[in-house]
Amino acid sequence: AVVNAEYGGGDFAYANKDALEDVYHNYKPMLEYINNNTELNTQVKWATVSDYFDHIRERSDNFPSLSGDFFTYADRLDHYWSGYFTTRPFYKNLDRVLESSLRRTEILFSFHRDKEGVAELTAARNALSLFQHHDGITGTAKPWVVEDYGTRLFKAYKACENLSAAAIRHIMKNKETFGKDFQPTRQRADFKELEKQRVIEKPAELVIVSTIARKTSAVQVVAVKSHLNLEVINSRGEVLLQQEEPTIEYGEVKHDSKFIVFRPELPSVSINRFQLRSLKQENLQLREKRSKFSSPTQGMHKTTFEVVSDKTMCTDIILGTEKLVIKLNCKSGRLKSISKEGKTVAVNQEVLFYTSTKLPRSGAYLFYPDSGPSRLLTENVRPKIVVVKGPMRDRAVVTLKFEESKLVLTYTVNHLNGLEGEYMDLEIMSDLHEEGDLAIRLETDIKSGDNIFTDLNGHTIQHHKFNEKLHTQGNFFPMPS
């Protein structure tokens, strides 16, 4: 038999030449003893993985193989290594934002080719690459190392924003129009904050960059001051269909700003210019395209938006299009059913919280919940619900308040043709301070038995079997948060 015996090592093994030589010289006498002892009938040598498989193939043409994956990995008993999928999610988000910004910047820079920006672009690539380290993107590094990662990612993010702006000015060849006031519509003060919408305070010009290699029609959102009456004009002078929405922050309606939502046609890999200009008298029908605004759980304050009577909201909250209909429970704000192309799936949605009080606790590496059932956060909690409907999209913002924390669930269905209009977007924001793991559970009437199908990082679908003999963490297949 050919046996592959691996020599293990920690993260800091072989940090220098002496460590490698010590291992070699320590093992050499043992290998010589085994090889020279005929009674053991064994030959041992240093080899690579390729050497091992070469020996296997020399002995047999029918080498068995294992399909599937080893997820979730456990190194002992019930210690399953899935904690890092949700550890430090803020930094995982910043990684994705930088990756998107870097992609856009590289495409624009290929047309600009400013020699002065090469160093900054290279530094941004290096910062993103560095964070892919197995203690970076996973969130398992020491606190001071994480701070350094955050500083580097944020610096790279700001560099990409500035390089993109410079490249657009060069490509558009209109530096006077795009001067110091040329700013992204989303901003981030530092790496410890999430992106926020920049509020536009006067009529302005918008530039939308599409890096997709096909024609797209995507919903765009900009924030403006509430007193402004604006319309969106494309480069051909056409007034685009739009809807205005109240700005909702943690379930509360803000009265100093509002959203303008529109859906432009964007050619493949293109820079597109739009005008936000004051509403003309002949286009007052824009008023009719404002969102219908309602709240079944709270009285409405004075607003310029049409308020739907609460009596219409005493049953299900319905969001959707001709192809997709989402129903939410009017009192709880949780999913009740999803209908697509005439087929309806009943859904019972719950928000769960897994505590971890026994050692080793859930954390950077492990998901190690306490035994017994999880805690229902949605039980006996009366949420605030705000519903917004319009020609561009339907949204429901559900806010659950606890003693010192909030949890906001935002359901959005875009009114788009094609794939973009056939799914619901669920955004979850939380400032829970308690140590533990937050989860969303969807109970449906789909009869799948003990089969589990999980998304493997958006690349493929993996088939698993539910094993009732395992602990909760053994049947848990999280996606990166």
Protein backbone atom coordinates (compact mmCIF):
# COMPACT_ATOMS: atom_id res chain seq x y z
CA ALA A 1 0.00 0.00 0.00
CA VAL A 2 1.07 3.55 -0.69
CA VAL A 3 0.37 5.86 2.24
CA ASN A 4 0.63 9.65 2.21
CA ALA A 5 1.72 10.81 5.68
CA GLU A 6 1.69 14.62 5.90
CA TYR A 7 3.92 16.55 8.23
CA GLY A 8 1.82 19.31 9.79
CA GLY A 9 2.82 22.78 10.75
CA GLY A 10 1.28 25.90 12.21
CA ASP A 11 0.91 29.34 10.63
CA PHE A 12 4.39 30.29 11.76
CA ALA A 13 6.22 27.04 10.96
CA TYR A 14 9.21 27.30 8.62
CA ALA A 15 9.55 31.00 9.34
CA ASN A 16 13.28 30.71 8.63
CA LYS A 17 15.84 28.37 7.10
CA ASP A 18 16.89 26.88 10.44
CA ALA A 19 13.36 25.66 11.19
CA LEU A 20 13.22 23.76 7.89
CA GLU A 21 16.64 22.17 8.46
CA ASP A 22 15.71 21.17 12.02
CA VAL A 23 12.68 19.26 10.74
CA TYR A 24 14.73 17.55 8.05
CA HIS A 25 17.54 16.48 10.39
CA ASN A 26 15.10 15.32 13.09
CA TYR A 27 13.20 13.10 10.67
CA LYS A 28 16.21 11.79 8.74
CA PRO A 29 17.34 9.22 11.43
CA MET A 30 13.78 7.89 11.74
CA LEU A 31 13.44 7.44 7.98
CA GLU A 32 16.82 5.68 7.77
CA TYR A 33 15.90 3.35 10.65
CA ILE A 34 12.59 2.35 9.06
CA ASN A 35 14.07 1.86 5.60
CA ASN A 36 16.98 -0.24 6.89
CA ASN A 37 14.80 -2.49 9.09
CA THR A 38 13.56 -5.27 6.76
CA GLU A 39 11.20 -6.62 9.42
CA LEU A 40 9.08 -3.48 9.11
CA ASN A 41 8.60 -4.11 5.38
CA THR A 42 8.22 -0.35 4.82
CA GLN A 43 9.96 2.27 2.71
CA VAL A 44 9.60 5.93 3.66
CA LYS A 45 10.85 8.94 1.74
CA TRP A 46 10.29 12.66 1.37
CA ALA A 47 7.85 13.29 -1.47
CA THR A 48 5.42 15.71 -3.01
CA VAL A 49 1.70 15.16 -3.59
CA SER A 50 2.50 14.51 -7.26
CA ASP A 51 4.93 11.75 -6.26
CA TYR A 52 2.17 10.11 -4.21
CA PHE A 53 -0.36 10.06 -7.08
CA ASP A 54 2.30 8.88 -9.55
CA HIS A 55 2.88 5.81 -7.34
CA ILE A 56 -0.87 5.20 -7.06
CA ARG A 57 -1.35 5.29 -10.84
CA GLU A 58 1.56 2.85 -11.32
CA ARG A 59 -0.32 0.31 -9.20
CA SER A 60 -3.91 0.81 -10.44
CA ASP A 61 -5.82 2.35 -13.33
CA ASN A 62 -9.08 2.47 -11.34
CA PHE A 63 -8.25 4.99 -8.68
CA PRO A 64 -11.44 5.93 -6.76
CA SER A 65 -12.28 9.60 -6.39
CA LEU A 66 -14.52 11.61 -4.08
CA SER A 67 -16.86 14.25 -5.48
CA GLY A 68 -18.32 17.18 -3.57
CA ASP A 69 -16.62 19.22 -0.90
CA PHE A 70 -15.39 18.97 2.68
CA PHE A 71 -17.57 21.83 3.91
CA THR A 72 -18.21 22.28 6.74
CA TYR A 73 -14.74 21.31 8.03
CA ALA A 74 -14.34 20.02 11.58
CA ASP A 75 -10.92 19.31 13.05
CA ARG A 76 -12.33 17.52 16.11
CA LEU A 77 -15.65 16.39 17.57
CA ASP A 78 -18.17 19.23 17.14
CA HIS A 79 -15.65 21.98 16.37
CA TYR A 80 -16.87 23.13 12.94
CA TRP A 81 -14.89 25.85 11.21
CA SER A 82 -17.68 28.04 9.87
CA GLY A 83 -17.40 30.95 12.30
CA TYR A 84 -15.11 32.89 9.98
CA PHE A 85 -17.87 33.15 7.37
CA THR A 86 -19.61 35.72 9.57
CA THR A 87 -16.67 37.11 11.58
CA ARG A 88 -16.06 40.84 11.15
CA PRO A 89 -18.65 41.24 8.37
CA PHE A 90 -17.95 44.98 8.15
CA TYR A 91 -14.51 44.32 6.70
CA LYS A 92 -15.88 41.70 4.32
CA ASN A 93 -18.25 44.40 3.03
CA LEU A 94 -15.41 46.88 2.61
CA ASP A 95 -13.49 44.24 0.63
CA ARG A 96 -16.41 43.89 -1.82
CA VAL A 97 -16.83 47.66 -2.15
CA LEU A 98 -13.12 48.08 -2.92
CA GLU A 99 -13.17 45.18 -5.38
CA SER A 100 -16.02 46.82 -7.31
CA SER A 101 -14.39 50.26 -7.18
CA LEU A 102 -11.04 48.84 -8.30
CA ARG A 103 -12.68 47.02 -11.22
CA ARG A 104 -14.30 50.25 -12.41
CA THR A 105 -11.09 52.22 -11.92
CA GLU A 106 -8.96 49.76 -13.90
CA ILE A 107 -11.34 49.91 -16.86
CA LEU A 108 -11.43 53.72 -16.84
CA PHE A 109 -7.67 53.91 -16.28
CA SER A 110 -7.04 51.79 -19.37
CA PHE A 111 -8.39 54.72 -21.42
CA HIS A 112 -6.69 57.41 -19.34
CA ARG A 113 -3.24 55.91 -18.68
CA ASP A 114 -2.05 58.67 -16.40
CA LYS A 115 1.51 57.80 -15.39
CA GLU A 116 1.11 59.61 -12.08
CA GLY A 117 -1.75 57.30 -11.11
CA VAL A 118 0.06 54.00 -11.77
CA ALA A 119 1.61 53.89 -8.29
CA GLU A 120 -1.74 54.55 -6.58
CA LEU A 121 -3.51 51.93 -8.69
CA THR A 122 -0.79 49.38 -7.94
CA ALA A 123 -1.03 50.17 -4.21
CA ALA A 124 -4.81 49.66 -4.33
CA ARG A 125 -4.36 46.27 -6.00
CA ASN A 126 -1.79 45.30 -3.39
CA ALA A 127 -4.08 46.34 -0.52
CA LEU A 128 -6.94 44.24 -1.88
CA SER A 129 -4.61 41.30 -2.51
CA LEU A 130 -3.11 41.54 0.98
CA PHE A 131 -6.58 41.31 2.53
CA GLN A 132 -7.15 37.96 0.78
CA HIS A 133 -4.74 36.43 3.31
CA HIS A 134 -6.29 33.57 5.28
CA ASP A 135 -6.37 35.77 8.38
CA GLY A 136 -7.57 38.86 6.48
CA ILE A 137 -10.81 38.26 4.59
CA THR A 138 -11.74 35.60 7.16
CA GLY A 139 -11.63 38.13 10.00
CA THR A 140 -9.37 35.99 12.18
CA ALA A 141 -6.46 38.42 12.57
CA LYS A 142 -5.49 40.20 15.77
CA PRO A 143 -7.33 43.52 16.46
CA TRP A 144 -4.35 45.74 15.65
CA VAL A 145 -3.77 43.83 12.41
CA VAL A 146 -7.43 44.29 11.47
CA GLU A 147 -7.05 48.05 12.08
CA ASP A 148 -4.13 48.07 9.66
CA TYR A 149 -6.14 46.12 7.07
CA GLY A 150 -8.99 48.62 7.41
CA THR A 151 -6.67 51.61 6.99
CA ARG A 152 -5.10 50.11 3.86
CA LEU A 153 -8.47 49.15 2.32
CA PHE A 154 -9.94 52.59 2.97
CA LYS A 155 -6.89 54.36 1.52
CA ALA A 156 -7.16 52.16 -1.58
CA TYR A 157 -10.90 52.89 -1.82
CA LYS A 158 -10.32 56.67 -1.72
CA ALA A 159 -7.52 56.37 -4.28
CA CYS A 160 -9.83 54.46 -6.66
CA GLU A 161 -12.55 57.10 -6.29
CA ASN A 162 -10.09 59.90 -7.11
CA LEU A 163 -8.51 58.01 -10.01
CA SER A 164 -11.94 57.23 -11.46
CA ALA A 165 -12.94 60.91 -11.27
CA ALA A 166 -9.70 61.97 -12.99
CA ALA A 167 -10.15 59.37 -15.73
CA ILE A 168 -13.75 60.45 -16.37
CA ARG A 169 -12.69 64.09 -16.66
CA HIS A 170 -10.02 63.07 -19.18
CA ILE A 171 -12.29 60.81 -21.22
CA MET A 172 -15.13 63.36 -21.29
CA LYS A 173 -12.62 66.10 -22.12
CA ASN A 174 -14.58 68.64 -20.14
CA LYS A 175 -12.58 69.56 -17.06
CA GLU A 176 -14.59 72.75 -16.46
CA THR A 177 -17.83 70.83 -16.07
CA PHE A 178 -16.21 68.22 -13.83
CA GLY A 179 -14.33 70.35 -11.38
CA LYS A 180 -13.92 70.15 -7.64
CA ASP A 181 -17.64 69.48 -7.17
CA PHE A 182 -17.40 66.16 -9.02
CA GLN A 183 -18.14 63.75 -6.17
CA PRO A 184 -19.42 60.17 -5.89
CA THR A 185 -23.09 59.82 -4.90
CA ARG A 186 -22.08 57.49 -2.08
CA GLN A 187 -19.50 58.45 0.51
CA ARG A 188 -17.57 56.90 3.37
CA ALA A 189 -15.95 58.99 6.12
CA ASP A 190 -13.51 56.28 7.21
CA PHE A 191 -13.13 52.51 7.22
CA LYS A 192 -15.20 52.15 10.39
CA GLU A 193 -18.36 53.46 8.74
CA LEU A 194 -20.69 52.09 6.09
CA GLU A 195 -21.24 53.92 2.84
CA LYS A 196 -23.93 56.60 2.95
CA GLN A 197 -25.85 58.42 0.26
CA ARG A 198 -24.53 61.91 -0.41
CA VAL A 199 -27.45 64.36 -0.35
CA ILE A 200 -27.55 66.57 -3.45
CA GLU A 201 -28.51 70.13 -2.51
CA LYS A 202 -29.11 71.69 -5.95
CA PRO A 203 -29.64 70.74 -9.62
CA ALA A 204 -26.62 68.75 -10.79
CA GLU A 205 -25.13 66.60 -13.50
CA LEU A 206 -24.88 62.84 -12.92
CA VAL A 207 -22.33 60.51 -14.46
CA ILE A 208 -23.06 56.77 -14.36
CA VAL A 209 -20.32 54.34 -15.37
CA SER A 210 -21.26 50.86 -16.56
CA THR A 211 -18.46 48.28 -16.53
CA ILE A 212 -20.72 45.46 -17.70
CA ALA A 213 -20.04 44.04 -21.16
CA ARG A 214 -23.70 44.15 -22.22
CA LYS A 215 -26.55 46.61 -22.35
CA THR A 216 -28.18 46.95 -18.93
CA SER A 217 -31.15 48.63 -17.31
CA ALA A 218 -30.55 48.97 -13.59
CA VAL A 219 -32.36 50.92 -10.90
CA GLN A 220 -30.39 54.00 -9.79
CA VAL A 221 -30.97 55.88 -6.53
CA VAL A 222 -29.82 59.40 -5.60
CA ALA A 223 -30.62 61.39 -2.47
CA VAL A 224 -31.68 65.04 -2.76
CA LYS A 225 -32.99 67.73 -0.42
CA SER A 226 -36.71 67.38 0.26
CA HIS A 227 -37.65 70.84 -1.02
CA LEU A 228 -36.19 70.21 -4.49
CA ASN A 229 -38.53 69.34 -7.37
CA LEU A 230 -36.21 67.69 -9.90
CA GLU A 231 -36.48 65.58 -13.02
CA VAL A 232 -33.90 63.30 -14.65
CA ILE A 233 -32.84 64.07 -18.23
CA ASN A 234 -30.66 61.78 -20.36
CA SER A 235 -28.04 62.89 -22.91
CA ARG A 236 -30.72 62.98 -25.64
CA GLY A 237 -32.81 65.47 -23.68
CA GLU A 238 -35.50 62.92 -22.78
CA VAL A 239 -37.25 63.05 -19.42
CA LEU A 240 -36.92 59.66 -17.71
CA LEU A 241 -39.66 57.97 -15.73
CA GLN A 242 -38.82 58.22 -12.05
CA GLN A 243 -40.28 57.85 -8.59
CA GLU A 244 -39.63 59.81 -5.44
CA GLU A 245 -39.38 58.05 -2.09
CA PRO A 246 -39.08 59.20 1.49
CA THR A 247 -35.71 58.54 3.05
CA ILE A 248 -36.12 55.92 5.78
CA GLU A 249 -33.43 55.41 8.40
CA TYR A 250 -33.89 52.67 10.99
CA GLY A 251 -37.62 52.71 10.40
CA GLU A 252 -37.98 56.47 10.84
CA VAL A 253 -38.93 58.76 7.97
CA LYS A 254 -36.46 61.59 7.47
CA HIS A 255 -37.97 64.87 6.32
CA ASP A 256 -34.85 66.76 5.21
CA SER A 257 -34.10 64.50 2.22
CA LYS A 258 -35.75 62.11 -0.24
CA PHE A 259 -34.73 59.54 -2.85
CA ILE A 260 -35.11 59.90 -6.60
CA VAL A 261 -35.27 56.47 -8.21
CA PHE A 262 -34.95 56.01 -11.97
CA ARG A 263 -34.03 53.32 -14.46
CA PRO A 264 -31.75 54.39 -17.34
CA GLU A 265 -30.66 52.26 -20.30
CA LEU A 266 -26.87 51.88 -20.10
CA PRO A 267 -24.81 50.68 -23.08
CA SER A 268 -22.05 48.14 -22.47
CA VAL A 269 -18.84 49.55 -20.89
CA SER A 270 -19.91 53.15 -21.06
CA ILE A 271 -19.88 56.56 -19.38
CA ASN A 272 -23.35 58.10 -19.31
CA ARG A 273 -24.38 61.66 -18.48
CA PHE A 274 -27.69 62.73 -16.97
CA GLN A 275 -29.07 66.01 -15.71
CA LEU A 276 -30.95 66.55 -12.48
CA ARG A 277 -32.76 69.76 -13.36
CA SER A 278 -35.59 71.75 -11.85
CA LEU A 279 -39.01 70.40 -12.78
CA LYS A 280 -40.64 72.26 -15.64
CA GLN A 281 -44.31 73.23 -15.58
CA GLU A 282 -45.18 70.98 -18.51
CA ASN A 283 -43.76 67.96 -16.63
CA LEU A 284 -45.86 68.28 -13.49
CA GLN A 285 -47.20 64.78 -14.09
CA LEU A 286 -44.06 63.72 -12.23
CA ARG A 287 -46.12 64.32 -9.11
CA GLU A 288 -48.22 61.33 -10.10
CA LYS A 289 -45.14 59.14 -10.11
CA ARG A 290 -44.35 59.69 -6.46
CA SER A 291 -44.44 56.66 -4.21
CA LYS A 292 -47.53 55.62 -2.34
CA PHE A 293 -46.46 55.66 1.26
CA SER A 294 -48.03 53.75 4.14
CA SER A 295 -47.40 52.26 7.54
CA PRO A 296 -49.69 49.67 9.08
CA THR A 297 -47.97 49.85 12.46
CA GLN A 298 -47.50 53.55 13.19
CA GLY A 299 -49.18 56.89 12.62
CA MET A 300 -47.71 58.93 9.78
CA HIS A 301 -46.21 62.36 10.25
CA LYS A 302 -46.77 65.18 7.81
CA THR A 303 -45.32 64.22 4.45
CA THR A 304 -45.47 65.38 0.84
CA PHE A 305 -45.98 61.78 -0.30
CA GLU A 306 -49.33 60.14 -0.80
CA VAL A 307 -50.27 58.26 2.36
CA VAL A 308 -52.34 55.12 1.87
CA SER A 309 -55.00 54.61 4.54
CA ASP A 310 -54.05 52.06 7.19
CA LYS A 311 -57.33 50.27 6.48
CA THR A 312 -55.87 49.02 3.21
CA MET A 313 -52.97 47.48 5.13
CA CYS A 314 -54.96 45.36 7.60
CA THR A 315 -54.23 42.18 5.66
CA ASP A 316 -51.12 41.10 3.76
CA ILE A 317 -48.50 43.58 2.55
CA ILE A 318 -48.01 42.85 -1.15
CA LEU A 319 -44.87 43.82 -3.06
CA GLY A 320 -44.12 42.78 -6.60
CA THR A 321 -44.53 42.73 -10.32
CA GLU A 322 -46.45 40.66 -12.84
CA LYS A 323 -43.86 37.87 -12.49
CA LEU A 324 -43.03 38.05 -8.80
CA VAL A 325 -45.30 38.71 -5.82
CA ILE A 326 -44.06 38.89 -2.23
CA LYS A 327 -46.48 38.78 0.69
CA LEU A 328 -45.53 39.95 4.17
CA ASN A 329 -47.48 39.56 7.37
CA CYS A 330 -49.04 42.93 8.19
CA LYS A 331 -48.38 42.68 11.93
CA SER A 332 -44.95 41.06 12.03
CA GLY A 333 -43.44 42.26 8.73
CA ARG A 334 -42.12 38.77 8.04
CA LEU A 335 -42.33 36.83 4.79
CA LYS A 336 -45.58 34.92 4.29
CA SER A 337 -45.36 33.68 0.71
CA ILE A 338 -43.50 34.06 -2.59
CA SER A 339 -45.33 33.67 -5.90
CA LYS A 340 -43.60 33.39 -9.25
CA GLU A 341 -45.21 32.58 -12.59
CA GLY A 342 -48.35 31.25 -10.94
CA LYS A 343 -46.57 29.05 -8.39
CA THR A 344 -46.80 30.00 -4.73
CA VAL A 345 -44.49 28.85 -1.95
CA ALA A 346 -45.65 29.40 1.63
CA VAL A 347 -42.91 30.83 3.83
CA ASN A 348 -42.55 31.27 7.57
CA GLN A 349 -39.64 33.59 8.26
CA GLU A 350 -37.97 33.81 11.64
CA VAL A 351 -35.02 35.79 12.96
CA LEU A 352 -32.90 33.60 15.24
CA PHE A 353 -30.06 34.24 17.65
CA TYR A 354 -27.59 31.55 18.69
CA THR A 355 -25.89 32.19 22.02
CA SER A 356 -22.50 30.71 22.83
CA THR A 357 -21.62 30.55 26.52
CA LYS A 358 -19.63 27.33 26.78
CA LEU A 359 -15.98 26.94 25.79
CA PRO A 360 -14.79 27.11 23.10
CA ARG A 361 -17.22 29.95 22.30
CA SER A 362 -18.30 30.88 18.79
CA GLY A 363 -15.91 33.39 17.36
CA ALA A 364 -13.33 34.04 14.73
CA TYR A 365 -12.99 30.38 13.71
CA LEU A 366 -15.78 28.24 15.12
CA PHE A 367 -19.56 28.30 15.06
CA TYR A 368 -20.19 26.72 18.44
CA PRO A 369 -23.72 27.47 19.64
CA ASP A 370 -25.15 26.36 22.95
CA SER A 371 -27.13 23.14 22.89
CA GLY A 372 -30.88 23.41 22.68
CA PRO A 373 -33.08 25.62 20.49
CA SER A 374 -32.01 29.06 19.29
CA ARG A 375 -33.71 32.21 20.60
CA LEU A 376 -36.45 33.76 18.47
CA LEU A 377 -35.81 37.50 18.17
CA THR A 378 -39.13 38.03 16.40
CA GLU A 379 -41.18 36.60 19.24
CA ASN A 380 -43.39 39.13 21.08
CA VAL A 381 -41.75 42.05 19.24
CA ARG A 382 -44.03 44.58 17.52
CA PRO A 383 -42.06 46.05 14.61
CA LYS A 384 -42.38 49.36 12.83
CA ILE A 385 -43.25 48.84 9.17
CA VAL A 386 -43.05 51.39 6.35
CA VAL A 387 -44.20 50.43 2.85
CA VAL A 388 -43.25 52.36 -0.29
CA LYS A 389 -44.66 51.60 -3.74
CA GLY A 390 -43.98 53.21 -7.09
CA PRO A 391 -43.32 52.57 -10.80
CA MET A 392 -39.63 51.75 -10.22
CA ARG A 393 -39.78 49.49 -7.18
CA ASP A 394 -41.73 48.34 -4.13
CA ARG A 395 -40.12 48.33 -0.68
CA ALA A 396 -41.03 47.42 2.85
CA VAL A 397 -38.78 48.51 5.73
CA VAL A 398 -39.34 46.49 8.91
CA THR A 399 -37.64 47.69 12.09
CA LEU A 400 -37.47 45.59 15.24
CA LYS A 401 -36.35 47.35 18.40
CA PHE A 402 -34.90 45.55 21.40
CA GLU A 403 -33.56 46.93 24.66
CA GLU A 404 -30.46 48.61 23.25
CA SER A 405 -30.39 47.36 19.67
CA LYS A 406 -32.23 47.48 16.36
CA LEU A 407 -32.67 45.08 13.50
CA VAL A 408 -33.85 46.41 10.13
CA LEU A 409 -35.11 44.14 7.34
CA THR A 410 -35.62 45.85 3.97
CA TYR A 411 -37.48 43.93 1.25
CA THR A 412 -37.17 45.31 -2.29
CA VAL A 413 -38.69 44.19 -5.58
CA ASN A 414 -37.57 46.13 -8.66
CA HIS A 415 -39.96 46.68 -11.55
CA LEU A 416 -37.59 45.49 -14.25
CA ASN A 417 -37.82 43.17 -17.22
CA GLY A 418 -35.59 40.11 -17.25
CA LEU A 419 -33.81 38.45 -14.36
CA GLU A 420 -33.45 41.66 -12.30
CA GLY A 421 -37.22 41.83 -11.90
CA GLU A 422 -37.64 38.20 -10.87
CA TYR A 423 -36.05 38.18 -7.45
CA MET A 424 -36.47 39.89 -4.09
CA ASP A 425 -33.60 41.68 -2.40
CA LEU A 426 -33.45 41.35 1.39
CA GLU A 427 -31.07 43.70 3.19
CA ILE A 428 -30.38 43.06 6.87
CA MET A 429 -28.84 45.73 9.11
CA SER A 430 -28.21 45.22 12.79
CA ASP A 431 -26.42 46.85 15.69
CA LEU A 432 -26.90 43.95 18.11
CA HIS A 433 -24.33 44.19 20.89
CA GLU A 434 -24.78 40.72 22.37
CA GLU A 435 -22.16 38.10 21.59
CA GLY A 436 -23.62 35.40 19.34
CA ASP A 437 -24.73 34.58 15.81
CA LEU A 438 -27.71 36.09 13.96
CA ALA A 439 -29.54 33.90 11.44
CA ILE A 440 -32.60 34.06 9.19
CA ARG A 441 -34.69 30.89 9.01
CA LEU A 442 -37.14 30.27 6.17
CA GLU A 443 -39.59 27.43 6.69
CA THR A 444 -41.34 26.52 3.42
CA ASP A 445 -43.76 23.90 2.15
CA ILE A 446 -41.13 22.59 -0.29
CA LYS A 447 -40.82 18.85 0.36
CA SER A 448 -37.05 18.31 0.05
CA GLY A 449 -36.73 15.57 2.65
CA ASP A 450 -33.24 15.45 4.13
CA ASN A 451 -31.65 17.06 1.04
CA ILE A 452 -29.85 20.38 1.46
CA PHE A 453 -28.70 22.46 -1.51
CA THR A 454 -26.31 25.28 -0.71
CA ASP A 455 -24.78 28.11 -2.70
CA LEU A 456 -21.01 27.70 -2.95
CA ASN A 457 -19.90 31.35 -3.16
CA GLY A 458 -22.07 32.00 -6.21
CA HIS A 459 -20.16 29.52 -8.37
CA THR A 460 -22.17 26.32 -8.05
CA ILE A 461 -24.81 24.52 -6.01
CA GLN A 462 -23.65 21.81 -3.63
CA HIS A 463 -25.80 18.86 -2.52
CA HIS A 464 -25.70 17.81 1.13
CA LYS A 465 -27.71 15.48 3.34
CA PHE A 466 -29.18 16.57 6.66
CA ASN A 467 -27.70 14.38 9.40
CA GLU A 468 -29.78 14.38 12.57
CA LYS A 469 -26.92 12.72 14.49
CA LEU A 470 -24.77 15.82 14.11
CA HIS A 471 -24.95 18.99 16.17
CA THR A 472 -26.50 22.16 14.75
CA GLN A 473 -23.13 23.38 13.48
CA GLY A 474 -22.65 20.13 11.56
CA ASN A 475 -25.69 20.87 9.41
CA PHE A 476 -25.00 24.59 9.08
CA PHE A 477 -23.72 25.89 5.72
CA PRO A 478 -23.30 29.69 5.95
CA MET A 479 -22.54 32.08 3.11
CA PRO A 480 -20.00 34.90 3.58
CA SER A 481 -21.70 37.84 5.31
